[in-house]
Amino acid sequence: MIKFTVYGEPVSQGRPRASTIQGRVRMYDPAKSREYKKYVKLVASQNAPAKLLEGPLVLNVKVYKPTLKSFSKKKKAAAERGEIRPTTKPDADNFVKAIKDACNQILWKDDSQIVDLHVSKFYSEKPRIEIMVEPLEAQEQQLSII
């Protein structure tokens, strides 16, 4: 199992941008998404296995967005306990897209290996993303024990 935390405000995958250069259309990531992917890649590489993970994988992602400034102290405390969860944009899957792209060739060969995905959004005074990846058979063995 590989488990690590990417500290700082989570950034979701932005819509691709297009530009025309000498009559050719070129697609690229927005700068904010591109920089965040580089940061995630750096943190992932510090936790990378000696050999890329192979086979089917389970990815568990917990996104902790900053608590809203408009929250009262009581509401902030409830959000910190997970009683109030973000239902605003960006969508949970857009956070995962950036993470999966950043971890390609760092943790696993290709993000198509992810066959089981769990994503949760929370509020926190300490914004971050917690990532856990493990081979599918490891999780199945844990379930058979229960």
C-alpha atoms as a PDB file:
ATOM      1  CA  MET A   1       0.000   0.000   0.000  1.00  0.00           C
ATOM      2  CA  ILE A   2       1.200   3.498  -0.834  1.00  0.00           C
ATOM      3  CA  LYS A   3      -0.199   6.348   1.221  1.00  0.00           C
ATOM      4  CA  PHE A   4       0.747  10.032   1.117  1.00  0.00           C
ATOM      5  CA  THR A   5      -0.624  13.542   1.539  1.00  0.00           C
ATOM      6  CA  VAL A   6      -0.375  16.479  -0.854  1.00  0.00           C
ATOM      7  CA  TYR A   7      -0.572  19.615   1.310  1.00  0.00           C
ATOM      8  CA  GLY A   8      -2.041  22.911   0.131  1.00  0.00           C
ATOM      9  CA  GLU A   9      -5.302  23.880  -1.498  1.00  0.00           C
ATOM     10  CA  PRO A  10      -6.473  21.118  -3.860  1.00  0.00           C
ATOM     11  CA  VAL A  11      -6.684  22.051  -7.546  1.00  0.00           C
ATOM     12  CA  SER A  12      -9.048  20.273  -9.896  1.00  0.00           C
ATOM     13  CA  GLN A  13      -8.260  19.439 -13.505  1.00  0.00           C
ATOM     14  CA  GLY A  14      -9.190  22.482 -15.583  1.00  0.00           C
ATOM     15  CA  ARG A  15     -10.715  22.327 -19.031  1.00  0.00           C
ATOM     16  CA  PRO A  16      -8.090  21.963 -21.749  1.00  0.00           C
ATOM     17  CA  ARG A  17      -7.217  25.153 -23.613  1.00  0.00           C
ATOM     18  CA  ALA A  18      -6.595  25.462 -27.320  1.00  0.00           C
ATOM     19  CA  SER A  19      -4.359  27.756 -29.331  1.00  0.00           C
ATOM     20  CA  THR A  20      -3.612  27.985 -33.016  1.00  0.00           C
ATOM     21  CA  ILE A  21       0.020  28.095 -34.106  1.00  0.00           C
ATOM     22  CA  GLN A  22       0.761  28.319 -37.837  1.00  0.00           C
ATOM     23  CA  GLY A  23      -2.675  26.948 -38.676  1.00  0.00           C
ATOM     24  CA  ARG A  24      -2.409  23.988 -36.291  1.00  0.00           C
ATOM     25  CA  VAL A  25      -4.535  23.622 -33.182  1.00  0.00           C
ATOM     26  CA  ARG A  26      -2.601  22.776 -30.031  1.00  0.00           C
ATOM     27  CA  MET A  27      -4.330  21.615 -26.838  1.00  0.00           C
ATOM     28  CA  TYR A  28      -2.781  22.262 -23.428  1.00  0.00           C
ATOM     29  CA  ASP A  29      -3.560  22.236 -19.703  1.00  0.00           C
ATOM     30  CA  PRO A  30      -4.341  25.541 -17.991  1.00  0.00           C
ATOM     31  CA  ALA A  31      -1.296  26.812 -16.051  1.00  0.00           C
ATOM     32  CA  LYS A  32      -2.873  26.238 -12.619  1.00  0.00           C
ATOM     33  CA  SER A  33      -3.661  22.570 -13.415  1.00  0.00           C
ATOM     34  CA  ARG A  34      -0.244  22.020 -14.978  1.00  0.00           C
ATOM     35  CA  GLU A  35       1.607  23.426 -11.952  1.00  0.00           C
ATOM     36  CA  TYR A  36      -0.504  21.436  -9.503  1.00  0.00           C
ATOM     37  CA  LYS A  37       0.161  18.211 -11.431  1.00  0.00           C
ATOM     38  CA  LYS A  38       3.906  18.920 -11.183  1.00  0.00           C
ATOM     39  CA  TYR A  39       3.547  19.352  -7.418  1.00  0.00           C
ATOM     40  CA  VAL A  40       1.541  16.111  -7.043  1.00  0.00           C
ATOM     41  CA  LYS A  41       4.096  14.305  -9.218  1.00  0.00           C
ATOM     42  CA  LEU A  42       6.910  15.531  -6.949  1.00  0.00           C
ATOM     43  CA  VAL A  43       5.137  14.344  -3.773  1.00  0.00           C
ATOM     44  CA  ALA A  44       4.184  11.028  -5.422  1.00  0.00           C
ATOM     45  CA  SER A  45       7.783  10.457  -6.550  1.00  0.00           C
ATOM     46  CA  GLN A  46       8.926  10.838  -2.927  1.00  0.00           C
ATOM     47  CA  ASN A  47       6.577   7.937  -2.071  1.00  0.00           C
ATOM     48  CA  ALA A  48       7.072   5.886  -5.238  1.00  0.00           C
ATOM     49  CA  PRO A  49       7.761   2.162  -5.101  1.00  0.00           C
ATOM     50  CA  ALA A  50      11.020   0.763  -6.462  1.00  0.00           C
ATOM     51  CA  LYS A  51       9.018  -0.808  -9.299  1.00  0.00           C
ATOM     52  CA  LEU A  52       5.842   0.599 -10.868  1.00  0.00           C
ATOM     53  CA  LEU A  53       2.652  -0.995  -9.564  1.00  0.00           C
ATOM     54  CA  GLU A  54       1.164  -3.538 -11.954  1.00  0.00           C
ATOM     55  CA  GLY A  55      -2.248  -5.109 -12.344  1.00  0.00           C
ATOM     56  CA  PRO A  56      -5.596  -3.794 -11.113  1.00  0.00           C
ATOM     57  CA  LEU A  57      -5.390  -1.059  -8.473  1.00  0.00           C
ATOM     58  CA  VAL A  58      -7.641   0.529  -5.856  1.00  0.00           C
ATOM     59  CA  LEU A  59      -7.355   4.315  -5.470  1.00  0.00           C
ATOM     60  CA  ASN A  60      -8.769   6.106  -2.440  1.00  0.00           C
ATOM     61  CA  VAL A  61      -8.706   9.926  -2.503  1.00  0.00           C
ATOM     62  CA  LYS A  62      -9.823  12.289   0.252  1.00  0.00           C
ATOM     63  CA  VAL A  63     -10.024  15.933  -0.789  1.00  0.00           C
ATOM     64  CA  TYR A  64      -9.950  18.500   2.015  1.00  0.00           C
ATOM     65  CA  LYS A  65     -11.061  21.889   0.711  1.00  0.00           C
ATOM     66  CA  PRO A  66     -10.505  25.058   2.758  1.00  0.00           C
ATOM     67  CA  THR A  67     -13.297  25.886   5.193  1.00  0.00           C
ATOM     68  CA  LEU A  68     -15.391  28.777   3.886  1.00  0.00           C
ATOM     69  CA  LYS A  69     -14.716  32.189   5.420  1.00  0.00           C
ATOM     70  CA  SER A  70     -18.465  32.752   5.744  1.00  0.00           C
ATOM     71  CA  PHE A  71     -18.791  29.831   8.196  1.00  0.00           C
ATOM     72  CA  SER A  72     -19.490  30.699  11.830  1.00  0.00           C
ATOM     73  CA  LYS A  73     -17.275  29.134  14.524  1.00  0.00           C
ATOM     74  CA  LYS A  74     -19.978  26.549  15.175  1.00  0.00           C
ATOM     75  CA  LYS A  75     -20.292  25.719  11.476  1.00  0.00           C
ATOM     76  CA  LYS A  76     -16.488  25.540  11.081  1.00  0.00           C
ATOM     77  CA  ALA A  77     -16.298  23.056  13.963  1.00  0.00           C
ATOM     78  CA  ALA A  78     -19.049  20.927  12.374  1.00  0.00           C
ATOM     79  CA  ALA A  79     -17.246  21.043   9.012  1.00  0.00           C
ATOM     80  CA  GLU A  80     -13.982  19.994  10.675  1.00  0.00           C
ATOM     81  CA  ARG A  81     -15.770  16.962  12.169  1.00  0.00           C
ATOM     82  CA  GLY A  82     -17.088  16.034   8.700  1.00  0.00           C
ATOM     83  CA  GLU A  83     -20.705  16.841   9.558  1.00  0.00           C
ATOM     84  CA  ILE A  84     -20.860  19.471   6.796  1.00  0.00           C
ATOM     85  CA  ARG A  85     -19.425  18.384   3.454  1.00  0.00           C
ATOM     86  CA  PRO A  86     -18.733  20.427   0.284  1.00  0.00           C
ATOM     87  CA  THR A  87     -21.443  20.120  -2.359  1.00  0.00           C
ATOM     88  CA  THR A  88     -20.062  22.930  -4.507  1.00  0.00           C
ATOM     89  CA  LYS A  89     -17.927  22.790  -7.606  1.00  0.00           C
ATOM     90  CA  PRO A  90     -15.445  21.530  -8.581  1.00  0.00           C
ATOM     91  CA  ASP A  91     -16.714  17.988  -8.877  1.00  0.00           C
ATOM     92  CA  ALA A  92     -14.867  15.291  -6.943  1.00  0.00           C
ATOM     93  CA  ASP A  93     -13.864  13.462 -10.136  1.00  0.00           C
ATOM     94  CA  ASN A  94     -12.065  16.545 -11.480  1.00  0.00           C
ATOM     95  CA  PHE A  95      -9.664  16.397  -8.514  1.00  0.00           C
ATOM     96  CA  VAL A  96      -9.014  12.729  -9.292  1.00  0.00           C
ATOM     97  CA  LYS A  97      -8.228  13.400 -12.976  1.00  0.00           C
ATOM     98  CA  ALA A  98      -5.285  15.618 -12.018  1.00  0.00           C
ATOM     99  CA  ILE A  99      -4.009  13.078  -9.482  1.00  0.00           C
ATOM    100  CA  LYS A 100      -4.275  10.138 -11.874  1.00  0.00           C
ATOM    101  CA  ASP A 101      -2.437  12.054 -14.609  1.00  0.00           C
ATOM    102  CA  ALA A 102       0.316  13.127 -12.209  1.00  0.00           C
ATOM    103  CA  CYS A 103       0.900   9.586 -10.896  1.00  0.00           C
ATOM    104  CA  ASN A 104       1.235   7.945 -14.335  1.00  0.00           C
ATOM    105  CA  GLN A 105       4.718   6.442 -14.707  1.00  0.00           C
ATOM    106  CA  ILE A 106       5.456   7.420 -11.070  1.00  0.00           C
ATOM    107  CA  LEU A 107       3.296   4.977  -9.082  1.00  0.00           C
ATOM    108  CA  TRP A 108       1.694   2.908 -11.857  1.00  0.00           C
ATOM    109  CA  LYS A 109       2.200   2.384 -15.585  1.00  0.00           C
ATOM    110  CA  ASP A 110      -1.153   3.824 -16.677  1.00  0.00           C
ATOM    111  CA  ASP A 111      -4.209   5.149 -14.867  1.00  0.00           C
ATOM    112  CA  SER A 112      -6.345   2.600 -16.736  1.00  0.00           C
ATOM    113  CA  GLN A 113      -5.109   0.157 -14.053  1.00  0.00           C
ATOM    114  CA  ILE A 114      -7.422   1.848 -11.532  1.00  0.00           C
ATOM    115  CA  VAL A 115     -10.436  -0.467 -11.316  1.00  0.00           C
ATOM    116  CA  ASP A 116     -11.812   0.655  -7.960  1.00  0.00           C
ATOM    117  CA  LEU A 117     -12.011   4.350  -7.066  1.00  0.00           C
ATOM    118  CA  HIS A 118     -13.255   6.040  -3.889  1.00  0.00           C
ATOM    119  CA  VAL A 119     -13.382   9.851  -3.689  1.00  0.00           C
ATOM    120  CA  SER A 120     -14.580  11.961  -0.769  1.00  0.00           C
ATOM    121  CA  LYS A 121     -14.708  15.739  -0.295  1.00  0.00           C
ATOM    122  CA  PHE A 122     -14.403  17.381   3.128  1.00  0.00           C
ATOM    123  CA  TYR A 123     -13.756  20.815   4.600  1.00  0.00           C
ATOM    124  CA  SER A 124     -10.667  21.446   6.710  1.00  0.00           C
ATOM    125  CA  GLU A 125      -8.624  24.280   8.159  1.00  0.00           C
ATOM    126  CA  LYS A 126      -5.638  22.400   6.658  1.00  0.00           C
ATOM    127  CA  PRO A 127      -6.454  21.931   2.946  1.00  0.00           C
ATOM    128  CA  ARG A 128      -4.854  18.855   1.399  1.00  0.00           C
ATOM    129  CA  ILE A 129      -5.442  15.681  -0.568  1.00  0.00           C
ATOM    130  CA  GLU A 130      -4.815  12.291   1.008  1.00  0.00           C
ATOM    131  CA  ILE A 131      -4.031   9.529  -1.484  1.00  0.00           C
ATOM    132  CA  MET A 132      -3.906   5.792  -0.924  1.00  0.00           C
ATOM    133  CA  VAL A 133      -3.271   3.219  -3.654  1.00  0.00           C
ATOM    134  CA  GLU A 134      -2.998  -0.531  -3.321  1.00  0.00           C
ATOM    135  CA  PRO A 135      -3.258  -3.613  -5.511  1.00  0.00           C
ATOM    136  CA  LEU A 136      -6.811  -4.939  -5.818  1.00  0.00           C
ATOM    137  CA  GLU A 137      -5.864  -8.378  -4.480  1.00  0.00           C
ATOM    138  CA  ALA A 138      -4.529  -6.804  -1.244  1.00  0.00           C
ATOM    139  CA  GLN A 139      -7.909  -5.231  -0.595  1.00  0.00           C
ATOM    140  CA  GLU A 140      -9.753  -8.437  -1.501  1.00  0.00           C
ATOM    141  CA  GLN A 141      -7.606 -10.346   1.015  1.00  0.00           C
ATOM    142  CA  GLN A 142      -8.526  -7.830   3.721  1.00  0.00           C
ATOM    143  CA  LEU A 143     -12.238  -8.290   2.909  1.00  0.00           C
ATOM    144  CA  SER A 144     -11.983 -12.090   3.040  1.00  0.00           C
ATOM    145  CA  ILE A 145     -10.528 -11.837   6.567  1.00  0.00           C
ATOM    146  CA  ILE A 146     -13.534  -9.868   7.794  1.00  0.00           C
END
